[in-house]
């Protein structure tokens, strides 16, 4: 029994560590459910609170392009590990680093997350956005209209600091984004030591796309739980 308590304490400690390093976001939408695995990307969000610089934005696109992911004409959604914790990033069209010269595309975005999350927006002084906090539900909602020049330019935003159990919701509305492909949304996951496309989606007939995400335990946590239960049964 003494050995079981030691094993249990070790298991619990491992679970705490694994939970703190949670890196999987489960997505649910009208088509079903799938999981996105995160991967570290260094140097992001270095411009200060709420700042998602154009340099940051273009560097993520370059990184993904180097992995064979085409981000032009896409809304690319992916989880990454940053100095600000687990971040859930939305890249709107491709940014080559020059910023917006004119504006010919627009989408509306409403996204809700815990009020403990940090929020980063590209073109923070140009886009029309508000952040509304709810004291009743311990949440905050980003309501925004993102505009960009589709020729070599894009936009983006991110929630950061997600931990186990955090949930986020998203509603995208096409307000005139002809530059986006018909299959506009692509969800990326780090699998087999590379970035890959886990799922793709379109706007519906009304120009809407809705999905939710929740941070769930990584597979090692489930394996540790199974090992603990089996170990307990063997010792009984």
Foldseek 3Di string as FASTA:
>chain_A
DVVLVVLVVVLVVVLVVLQQQFFKKWKQFPVGIDIAGEEADEDAPPPDAQAGELVNQQVVCVVQVVLVDQQALAFEWHWYQYPLGIKIKTWFGHANRPFAPDWQFKKKKKKKWALVKGKHWYVVVNWDWDWAADPVPRMIMITTMDTGDSVNHTIMMMIGDDGAFIKMKMKMAGPGGPRHDQQHYFYWHQDPNGIDTPDTHGQPPRRMTIMMMGGHGDVVSVVSVVVSVVVVVVVD
